[in-house]
Amino acid sequence: MSDPADIPLFEYDPNPSALIEPTALISPRDDMPRACVLTWFRDAAERAVADTFGRRILQLQWEDGPRPVYEIEHEGRPVALAPMPVGGAPSAAALEELIALGCRSFAACGGAGVLRPLPVGGLVLVTSALRDEGASHHYLPPSRVVDSDVHAVTVLRDTLTDLGVPFSEGRTWTTDGIYRETPERIRRRTEEGCVTVEMEAASVAAVARFRGVRLAQVLYGGDDLTGEVWDERSWQSRHDVRDRLIRIAATAALRLELP
């Protein structure tokens, strides 16, 4: 067996400059809101744009097609709204480009499988993420966990409390392998405190820390991995939860705005 230190992901390079920098490809925009909602609910994002008479600011040009970035008005102020690609690596790249455009405070909302009893739609404030993916290791030195930004967690916690929204807090397991969530790995993750499993939280948290921007994350309980048989629970049809989460995230992103 090879030495784990030989794994390329452990070869962290602290050099802040890469051969291809986002700012070399993307120029900041004067009309770009500093507050931004990241969401993996494309359907809910489109409903939010329609409901608020929002507009498409631009389309990021990706190999698999254009990715829109919207502006909506929330609480009388502009907020960027970015439907995100699924997966840690593409989400990290999308966040890089949003930062290059000028966004500085982010609230991310997504769904997750539950590793402990949690009703469909129950909210979890992400306090840390277990780094079982690749992208975060290119932004931070090797470690098992990346902690969420303390200030961002406080702002999101206060936002949820002020809005009277029930929620819990905890660690999420970020993995690239949705079809390799074996019973043994699930057992290990629950034993070390993970309450949810998803694909992006550790990656975007690492990018935010590396680039020095604020980012808070909230997930809602989706499919159930607590039993011997996986239960899908029709979680993707919970449009009411998704629409509400975008509004909550918009409020938090505005409160997170840096001076």
C-alpha atoms as a PDB file:
ATOM      1  CA  MET A   1       0.000   0.000   0.000  1.00  0.00           C
ATOM      2  CA  SER A   2       1.303   3.433  -0.913  1.00  0.00           C
ATOM      3  CA  ASP A   3       2.001   6.090   1.695  1.00  0.00           C
ATOM      4  CA  PRO A   4      -1.085   8.336   2.121  1.00  0.00           C
ATOM      5  CA  ALA A   5       1.270  11.300   1.902  1.00  0.00           C
ATOM      6  CA  ASP A   6       1.802  10.388  -1.763  1.00  0.00           C
ATOM      7  CA  ILE A   7      -1.839  11.177  -2.581  1.00  0.00           C
ATOM      8  CA  PRO A   8      -1.843  14.318  -4.784  1.00  0.00           C
ATOM      9  CA  LEU A   9      -4.645  15.942  -2.798  1.00  0.00           C
ATOM     10  CA  PHE A  10      -2.295  16.184   0.190  1.00  0.00           C
ATOM     11  CA  GLU A  11       0.261  18.192  -1.816  1.00  0.00           C
ATOM     12  CA  TYR A  12      -1.106  21.547  -0.711  1.00  0.00           C
ATOM     13  CA  ASP A  13       0.625  24.551  -2.287  1.00  0.00           C
ATOM     14  CA  PRO A  14       0.147  27.795  -0.314  1.00  0.00           C
ATOM     15  CA  ASN A  15       1.114  29.966  -3.299  1.00  0.00           C
ATOM     16  CA  PRO A  16      -1.806  32.431  -3.565  1.00  0.00           C
ATOM     17  CA  SER A  17      -1.362  32.820  -7.327  1.00  0.00           C
ATOM     18  CA  ALA A  18      -2.259  30.198  -9.910  1.00  0.00           C
ATOM     19  CA  LEU A  19      -1.421  30.077 -13.587  1.00  0.00           C
ATOM     20  CA  ILE A  20      -5.062  30.868 -14.360  1.00  0.00           C
ATOM     21  CA  GLU A  21      -6.624  33.379 -11.989  1.00  0.00           C
ATOM     22  CA  PRO A  22     -10.363  34.143 -12.133  1.00  0.00           C
ATOM     23  CA  THR A  23      -9.615  37.863 -12.156  1.00  0.00           C
ATOM     24  CA  ALA A  24      -7.570  37.418 -15.334  1.00  0.00           C
ATOM     25  CA  LEU A  25     -10.630  36.065 -17.104  1.00  0.00           C
ATOM     26  CA  ILE A  26     -13.452  37.992 -15.417  1.00  0.00           C
ATOM     27  CA  SER A  27     -13.644  41.708 -14.685  1.00  0.00           C
ATOM     28  CA  PRO A  28     -15.637  43.075 -11.738  1.00  0.00           C
ATOM     29  CA  ARG A  29     -18.944  44.690 -12.637  1.00  0.00           C
ATOM     30  CA  ASP A  30     -20.214  47.965 -11.227  1.00  0.00           C
ATOM     31  CA  ASP A  31     -23.780  46.620 -11.222  1.00  0.00           C
ATOM     32  CA  MET A  32     -22.912  43.427  -9.342  1.00  0.00           C
ATOM     33  CA  PRO A  33     -24.504  43.240  -5.879  1.00  0.00           C
ATOM     34  CA  ARG A  34     -22.045  42.477  -3.096  1.00  0.00           C
ATOM     35  CA  ALA A  35     -24.553  40.194  -1.371  1.00  0.00           C
ATOM     36  CA  CYS A  36     -25.196  36.898  -3.144  1.00  0.00           C
ATOM     37  CA  VAL A  37     -27.370  33.822  -2.631  1.00  0.00           C
ATOM     38  CA  LEU A  38     -25.936  30.527  -3.812  1.00  0.00           C
ATOM     39  CA  THR A  39     -28.616  27.932  -4.426  1.00  0.00           C
ATOM     40  CA  TRP A  40     -28.722  24.432  -5.860  1.00  0.00           C
ATOM     41  CA  PHE A  41     -32.459  24.847  -6.530  1.00  0.00           C
ATOM     42  CA  ARG A  42     -32.601  26.115 -10.095  1.00  0.00           C
ATOM     43  CA  ASP A  43     -36.388  25.828 -10.132  1.00  0.00           C
ATOM     44  CA  ALA A  44     -36.735  27.941  -6.982  1.00  0.00           C
ATOM     45  CA  ALA A  45     -34.267  30.510  -8.321  1.00  0.00           C
ATOM     46  CA  GLU A  46     -36.344  30.966 -11.445  1.00  0.00           C
ATOM     47  CA  ARG A  47     -39.503  31.351  -9.359  1.00  0.00           C
ATOM     48  CA  ALA A  48     -37.781  33.953  -7.180  1.00  0.00           C
ATOM     49  CA  VAL A  49     -36.745  35.944 -10.249  1.00  0.00           C
ATOM     50  CA  ALA A  50     -40.282  35.863 -11.627  1.00  0.00           C
ATOM     51  CA  ASP A  51     -41.902  36.736  -8.292  1.00  0.00           C
ATOM     52  CA  THR A  52     -39.623  39.724  -7.655  1.00  0.00           C
ATOM     53  CA  PHE A  53     -39.460  40.938 -11.262  1.00  0.00           C
ATOM     54  CA  GLY A  54     -35.740  40.281 -11.155  1.00  0.00           C
ATOM     55  CA  ARG A  55     -33.345  40.342 -14.059  1.00  0.00           C
ATOM     56  CA  ARG A  56     -30.511  38.322 -15.486  1.00  0.00           C
ATOM     57  CA  ILE A  57     -27.294  40.259 -14.973  1.00  0.00           C
ATOM     58  CA  LEU A  58     -25.109  38.012 -17.100  1.00  0.00           C
ATOM     59  CA  GLN A  59     -24.394  34.466 -18.145  1.00  0.00           C
ATOM     60  CA  LEU A  60     -21.146  32.783 -17.206  1.00  0.00           C
ATOM     61  CA  GLN A  61     -19.854  30.851 -20.194  1.00  0.00           C
ATOM     62  CA  TRP A  62     -19.079  27.253 -19.301  1.00  0.00           C
ATOM     63  CA  GLU A  63     -18.177  24.287 -21.478  1.00  0.00           C
ATOM     64  CA  ASP A  64     -21.558  22.663 -20.846  1.00  0.00           C
ATOM     65  CA  GLY A  65     -23.460  25.864 -21.594  1.00  0.00           C
ATOM     66  CA  PRO A  66     -24.205  29.284 -20.117  1.00  0.00           C
ATOM     67  CA  ARG A  67     -24.880  29.705 -16.399  1.00  0.00           C
ATOM     68  CA  PRO A  68     -27.128  32.651 -15.531  1.00  0.00           C
ATOM     69  CA  VAL A  69     -26.582  35.032 -12.638  1.00  0.00           C
ATOM     70  CA  TYR A  70     -29.647  36.989 -11.580  1.00  0.00           C
ATOM     71  CA  GLU A  71     -30.396  40.074  -9.542  1.00  0.00           C
ATOM     72  CA  ILE A  72     -33.463  40.216  -7.333  1.00  0.00           C
ATOM     73  CA  GLU A  73     -34.698  42.856  -4.936  1.00  0.00           C
ATOM     74  CA  HIS A  74     -35.036  41.743  -1.332  1.00  0.00           C
ATOM     75  CA  GLU A  75     -35.920  43.986   1.587  1.00  0.00           C
ATOM     76  CA  GLY A  76     -35.503  46.943  -0.745  1.00  0.00           C
ATOM     77  CA  ARG A  77     -31.914  46.082  -1.706  1.00  0.00           C
ATOM     78  CA  PRO A  78     -30.311  44.248  -4.639  1.00  0.00           C
ATOM     79  CA  VAL A  79     -29.101  40.680  -4.138  1.00  0.00           C
ATOM     80  CA  ALA A  80     -27.334  38.468  -6.656  1.00  0.00           C
ATOM     81  CA  LEU A  81     -28.894  35.037  -7.087  1.00  0.00           C
ATOM     82  CA  ALA A  82     -26.724  32.284  -8.567  1.00  0.00           C
ATOM     83  CA  PRO A  83     -28.086  28.834  -9.447  1.00  0.00           C
ATOM     84  CA  MET A  84     -25.101  26.573  -8.743  1.00  0.00           C
ATOM     85  CA  PRO A  85     -23.874  23.423 -10.503  1.00  0.00           C
ATOM     86  CA  VAL A  86     -24.101  20.182  -8.551  1.00  0.00           C
ATOM     87  CA  GLY A  87     -20.809  18.925  -7.109  1.00  0.00           C
ATOM     88  CA  GLY A  88     -17.942  20.382  -5.136  1.00  0.00           C
ATOM     89  CA  ALA A  89     -15.481  21.111  -7.945  1.00  0.00           C
ATOM     90  CA  PRO A  90     -17.882  22.974 -10.268  1.00  0.00           C
ATOM     91  CA  SER A  91     -19.405  24.813  -7.297  1.00  0.00           C
ATOM     92  CA  ALA A  92     -15.928  25.960  -6.227  1.00  0.00           C
ATOM     93  CA  ALA A  93     -15.241  27.272  -9.731  1.00  0.00           C
ATOM     94  CA  ALA A  94     -18.599  29.062  -9.897  1.00  0.00           C
ATOM     95  CA  LEU A  95     -17.962  30.713  -6.542  1.00  0.00           C
ATOM     96  CA  GLU A  96     -14.532  31.840  -7.734  1.00  0.00           C
ATOM     97  CA  GLU A  97     -16.146  33.566 -10.701  1.00  0.00           C
ATOM     98  CA  LEU A  98     -18.811  35.251  -8.566  1.00  0.00           C
ATOM     99  CA  ILE A  99     -16.085  36.606  -6.286  1.00  0.00           C
ATOM    100  CA  ALA A 100     -14.191  37.895  -9.333  1.00  0.00           C
ATOM    101  CA  LEU A 101     -17.380  39.651 -10.468  1.00  0.00           C
ATOM    102  CA  GLY A 102     -17.541  41.548  -7.178  1.00  0.00           C
ATOM    103  CA  CYS A 103     -19.720  39.563  -4.743  1.00  0.00           C
ATOM    104  CA  ARG A 104     -18.391  39.543  -1.185  1.00  0.00           C
ATOM    105  CA  SER A 105     -21.008  38.096   1.174  1.00  0.00           C
ATOM    106  CA  PHE A 106     -22.653  34.768   0.456  1.00  0.00           C
ATOM    107  CA  ALA A 107     -25.459  32.711   1.926  1.00  0.00           C
ATOM    108  CA  ALA A 108     -25.745  29.232   0.452  1.00  0.00           C
ATOM    109  CA  CYS A 109     -28.887  27.103   0.596  1.00  0.00           C
ATOM    110  CA  GLY A 110     -29.141  23.505  -0.498  1.00  0.00           C
ATOM    111  CA  GLY A 111     -30.593  20.117   0.286  1.00  0.00           C
ATOM    112  CA  ALA A 112     -28.946  17.138   1.947  1.00  0.00           C
ATOM    113  CA  GLY A 113     -29.451  13.557   2.913  1.00  0.00           C
ATOM    114  CA  VAL A 114     -30.026  13.089   6.632  1.00  0.00           C
ATOM    115  CA  LEU A 115     -27.853  10.828   8.777  1.00  0.00           C
ATOM    116  CA  ARG A 116     -29.890  11.400  11.917  1.00  0.00           C
ATOM    117  CA  PRO A 117     -33.666  11.660  12.343  1.00  0.00           C
ATOM    118  CA  LEU A 118     -34.794  14.924  10.733  1.00  0.00           C
ATOM    119  CA  PRO A 119     -38.120  15.639   9.039  1.00  0.00           C
ATOM    120  CA  VAL A 120     -38.258  16.479   5.365  1.00  0.00           C
ATOM    121  CA  GLY A 121     -37.693  20.212   5.153  1.00  0.00           C
ATOM    122  CA  GLY A 122     -36.048  20.485   8.570  1.00  0.00           C
ATOM    123  CA  LEU A 123     -33.239  23.061   8.443  1.00  0.00           C
ATOM    124  CA  VAL A 124     -29.627  22.545   9.481  1.00  0.00           C
ATOM    125  CA  LEU A 125     -27.193  25.418   9.967  1.00  0.00           C
ATOM    126  CA  VAL A 126     -23.803  24.133   8.816  1.00  0.00           C
ATOM    127  CA  THR A 127     -21.140  24.639  11.488  1.00  0.00           C
ATOM    128  CA  SER A 128     -18.465  22.511   9.810  1.00  0.00           C
ATOM    129  CA  ALA A 129     -17.966  20.163   6.879  1.00  0.00           C
ATOM    130  CA  LEU A 130     -16.045  16.916   6.647  1.00  0.00           C
ATOM    131  CA  ARG A 131     -13.779  17.135   3.604  1.00  0.00           C
ATOM    132  CA  ASP A 132     -14.463  13.873   1.755  1.00  0.00           C
ATOM    133  CA  GLU A 133     -14.124  15.585  -1.632  1.00  0.00           C
ATOM    134  CA  GLY A 134     -11.367  17.036  -3.734  1.00  0.00           C
ATOM    135  CA  ALA A 135     -11.815  20.744  -4.327  1.00  0.00           C
ATOM    136  CA  SER A 136     -11.283  21.957  -0.756  1.00  0.00           C
ATOM    137  CA  HIS A 137      -7.804  20.403  -0.658  1.00  0.00           C
ATOM    138  CA  HIS A 138      -6.642  22.799  -3.356  1.00  0.00           C
ATOM    139  CA  TYR A 139      -7.587  25.795  -1.184  1.00  0.00           C
ATOM    140  CA  LEU A 140      -6.681  24.772   2.368  1.00  0.00           C
ATOM    141  CA  PRO A 141      -3.984  22.613   3.978  1.00  0.00           C
ATOM    142  CA  PRO A 142      -4.935  18.979   4.606  1.00  0.00           C
ATOM    143  CA  SER A 143      -7.348  18.474   7.496  1.00  0.00           C
ATOM    144  CA  ARG A 144     -10.337  16.288   8.126  1.00  0.00           C
ATOM    145  CA  VAL A 145     -12.789  19.145   8.662  1.00  0.00           C
ATOM    146  CA  VAL A 146     -13.263  22.739   7.574  1.00  0.00           C
ATOM    147  CA  ASP A 147     -15.052  24.906  10.113  1.00  0.00           C
ATOM    148  CA  SER A 148     -17.616  27.422   8.954  1.00  0.00           C
ATOM    149  CA  ASP A 149     -16.867  31.117   9.294  1.00  0.00           C
ATOM    150  CA  VAL A 150     -17.778  31.975  12.896  1.00  0.00           C
ATOM    151  CA  HIS A 151     -19.157  35.409  12.074  1.00  0.00           C
ATOM    152  CA  ALA A 152     -21.196  34.052   9.174  1.00  0.00           C
ATOM    153  CA  VAL A 153     -22.635  31.292  11.376  1.00  0.00           C
ATOM    154  CA  THR A 154     -23.639  33.874  13.976  1.00  0.00           C
ATOM    155  CA  VAL A 155     -25.338  36.080  11.393  1.00  0.00           C
ATOM    156  CA  LEU A 156     -27.243  33.162   9.863  1.00  0.00           C
ATOM    157  CA  ARG A 157     -28.216  31.853  13.305  1.00  0.00           C
ATOM    158  CA  ASP A 158     -29.522  35.282  14.289  1.00  0.00           C
ATOM    159  CA  THR A 159     -31.370  35.572  10.976  1.00  0.00           C
ATOM    160  CA  LEU A 160     -33.142  32.248  11.426  1.00  0.00           C
ATOM    161  CA  THR A 161     -33.994  33.130  15.030  1.00  0.00           C
ATOM    162  CA  ASP A 162     -35.286  36.592  14.138  1.00  0.00           C
ATOM    163  CA  LEU A 163     -37.492  35.105  11.427  1.00  0.00           C
ATOM    164  CA  GLY A 164     -38.878  32.530  13.834  1.00  0.00           C
ATOM    165  CA  VAL A 165     -37.663  29.613  11.730  1.00  0.00           C
ATOM    166  CA  PRO A 166     -36.931  26.354  13.594  1.00  0.00           C
ATOM    167  CA  PHE A 167     -33.495  24.887  12.849  1.00  0.00           C
ATOM    168  CA  SER A 168     -30.740  22.689  14.202  1.00  0.00           C
ATOM    169  CA  GLU A 169     -26.973  22.975  13.820  1.00  0.00           C
ATOM    170  CA  GLY A 170     -24.235  20.540  12.968  1.00  0.00           C
ATOM    171  CA  ARG A 171     -21.525  19.094  10.778  1.00  0.00           C
ATOM    172  CA  THR A 172     -22.180  17.924   7.242  1.00  0.00           C
ATOM    173  CA  TRP A 173     -20.365  15.224   5.296  1.00  0.00           C
ATOM    174  CA  THR A 174     -19.303  16.500   1.883  1.00  0.00           C
ATOM    175  CA  THR A 175     -18.563  13.683  -0.545  1.00  0.00           C
ATOM    176  CA  ASP A 176     -17.940  13.297  -4.260  1.00  0.00           C
ATOM    177  CA  GLY A 177     -19.295   9.755  -4.279  1.00  0.00           C
ATOM    178  CA  ILE A 178     -23.073   9.763  -3.982  1.00  0.00           C
ATOM    179  CA  TYR A 179     -23.157   6.119  -5.042  1.00  0.00           C
ATOM    180  CA  ARG A 180     -20.473   5.125  -2.513  1.00  0.00           C
ATOM    181  CA  GLU A 181     -22.268   6.080   0.679  1.00  0.00           C
ATOM    182  CA  THR A 182     -21.915   2.583   2.116  1.00  0.00           C
ATOM    183  CA  PRO A 183     -23.392   1.490   5.467  1.00  0.00           C
ATOM    184  CA  GLU A 184     -19.917   1.411   7.021  1.00  0.00           C
ATOM    185  CA  ARG A 185     -19.010   4.900   5.839  1.00  0.00           C
ATOM    186  CA  ILE A 186     -22.379   6.227   7.005  1.00  0.00           C
ATOM    187  CA  ARG A 187     -21.762   4.659  10.435  1.00  0.00           C
ATOM    188  CA  ARG A 188     -18.336   6.275  10.675  1.00  0.00           C
ATOM    189  CA  ARG A 189     -19.663   9.675   9.698  1.00  0.00           C
ATOM    190  CA  THR A 190     -22.490   9.611  12.202  1.00  0.00           C
ATOM    191  CA  GLU A 191     -20.085   8.546  14.944  1.00  0.00           C
ATOM    192  CA  GLU A 192     -17.959  11.619  14.302  1.00  0.00           C
ATOM    193  CA  GLY A 193     -20.924  13.975  14.442  1.00  0.00           C
ATOM    194  CA  CYS A 194     -22.158  14.385  10.869  1.00  0.00           C
ATOM    195  CA  VAL A 195     -25.901  15.029  10.649  1.00  0.00           C
ATOM    196  CA  THR A 196     -26.235  15.458   6.871  1.00  0.00           C
ATOM    197  CA  VAL A 197     -24.501  14.414   3.670  1.00  0.00           C
ATOM    198  CA  GLU A 198     -24.187  16.466   0.481  1.00  0.00           C
ATOM    199  CA  MET A 199     -21.685  17.346  -2.243  1.00  0.00           C
ATOM    200  CA  GLU A 200     -20.650  21.007  -2.001  1.00  0.00           C
ATOM    201  CA  ALA A 201     -20.396  22.475   1.511  1.00  0.00           C
ATOM    202  CA  ALA A 202     -16.714  21.797   2.218  1.00  0.00           C
ATOM    203  CA  SER A 203     -15.685  22.990  -1.243  1.00  0.00           C
ATOM    204  CA  VAL A 204     -17.397  26.385  -1.140  1.00  0.00           C
ATOM    205  CA  ALA A 205     -16.369  26.933   2.494  1.00  0.00           C
ATOM    206  CA  ALA A 206     -12.729  26.413   1.524  1.00  0.00           C
ATOM    207  CA  VAL A 207     -12.930  28.811  -1.429  1.00  0.00           C
ATOM    208  CA  ALA A 208     -14.568  31.480   0.725  1.00  0.00           C
ATOM    209  CA  ARG A 209     -11.864  31.217   3.370  1.00  0.00           C
ATOM    210  CA  PHE A 210      -9.081  31.260   0.786  1.00  0.00           C
ATOM    211  CA  ARG A 211     -10.496  34.356  -0.924  1.00  0.00           C
ATOM    212  CA  GLY A 212     -11.364  36.165   2.304  1.00  0.00           C
ATOM    213  CA  VAL A 213     -15.117  36.494   1.786  1.00  0.00           C
ATOM    214  CA  ARG A 214     -18.004  35.673   4.131  1.00  0.00           C
ATOM    215  CA  LEU A 215     -20.093  32.564   3.532  1.00  0.00           C
ATOM    216  CA  ALA A 216     -22.848  30.927   5.590  1.00  0.00           C
ATOM    217  CA  GLN A 217     -24.669  27.723   4.686  1.00  0.00           C
ATOM    218  CA  VAL A 218     -28.056  26.236   5.505  1.00  0.00           C
ATOM    219  CA  LEU A 219     -29.360  22.857   4.333  1.00  0.00           C
ATOM    220  CA  TYR A 220     -32.755  21.263   4.452  1.00  0.00           C
ATOM    221  CA  GLY A 221     -33.338  17.628   5.271  1.00  0.00           C
ATOM    222  CA  GLY A 222     -34.051  15.589   2.177  1.00  0.00           C
ATOM    223  CA  ASP A 223     -33.645  11.881   1.602  1.00  0.00           C
ATOM    224  CA  ASP A 224     -33.201   9.622   4.630  1.00  0.00           C
ATOM    225  CA  LEU A 225     -30.067   7.467   5.093  1.00  0.00           C
ATOM    226  CA  THR A 226     -30.724   6.503   8.715  1.00  0.00           C
ATOM    227  CA  GLY A 227     -32.310   3.115   8.040  1.00  0.00           C
ATOM    228  CA  GLU A 228     -31.337  -0.129   6.373  1.00  0.00           C
ATOM    229  CA  VAL A 229     -33.099   0.992   3.184  1.00  0.00           C
ATOM    230  CA  TRP A 230     -32.683   4.391   1.538  1.00  0.00           C
ATOM    231  CA  ASP A 231     -35.825   6.540   1.663  1.00  0.00           C
ATOM    232  CA  GLU A 232     -36.055   9.216  -1.034  1.00  0.00           C
ATOM    233  CA  ARG A 233     -39.003  10.904   0.770  1.00  0.00           C
ATOM    234  CA  SER A 234     -39.921  12.903  -2.371  1.00  0.00           C
ATOM    235  CA  TRP A 235     -37.683  15.628  -1.017  1.00  0.00           C
ATOM    236  CA  GLN A 236     -37.082  17.357  -4.339  1.00  0.00           C
ATOM    237  CA  SER A 237     -40.759  18.304  -4.608  1.00  0.00           C
ATOM    238  CA  ARG A 238     -40.721  20.507  -1.498  1.00  0.00           C
ATOM    239  CA  HIS A 239     -41.057  23.774  -3.405  1.00  0.00           C
ATOM    240  CA  ASP A 240     -42.327  25.637  -0.340  1.00  0.00           C
ATOM    241  CA  VAL A 241     -39.141  24.857   1.593  1.00  0.00           C
ATOM    242  CA  ARG A 242     -36.895  25.779  -1.315  1.00  0.00           C
ATOM    243  CA  ASP A 243     -38.648  29.086  -1.991  1.00  0.00           C
ATOM    244  CA  ARG A 244     -38.518  30.045   1.677  1.00  0.00           C
ATOM    245  CA  LEU A 245     -34.837  29.132   1.916  1.00  0.00           C
ATOM    246  CA  ILE A 246     -33.919  31.527  -0.873  1.00  0.00           C
ATOM    247  CA  ARG A 247     -35.669  34.347   0.976  1.00  0.00           C
ATOM    248  CA  ILE A 248     -33.930  33.432   4.235  1.00  0.00           C
ATOM    249  CA  ALA A 249     -30.567  33.251   2.481  1.00  0.00           C
ATOM    250  CA  ALA A 250     -31.138  36.650   0.860  1.00  0.00           C
ATOM    251  CA  THR A 251     -31.740  38.230   4.256  1.00  0.00           C
ATOM    252  CA  ALA A 252     -28.618  36.590   5.675  1.00  0.00           C
ATOM    253  CA  ALA A 253     -26.461  37.607   2.698  1.00  0.00           C
ATOM    254  CA  LEU A 254     -27.505  41.239   3.118  1.00  0.00           C
ATOM    255  CA  ARG A 255     -26.702  41.116   6.828  1.00  0.00           C
ATOM    256  CA  LEU A 256     -23.300  39.638   6.009  1.00  0.00           C
ATOM    257  CA  GLU A 257     -22.231  42.422   3.688  1.00  0.00           C
ATOM    258  CA  LEU A 258     -18.677  43.495   4.413  1.00  0.00           C
ATOM    259  CA  PRO A 259     -17.835  47.198   4.745  1.00  0.00           C
END
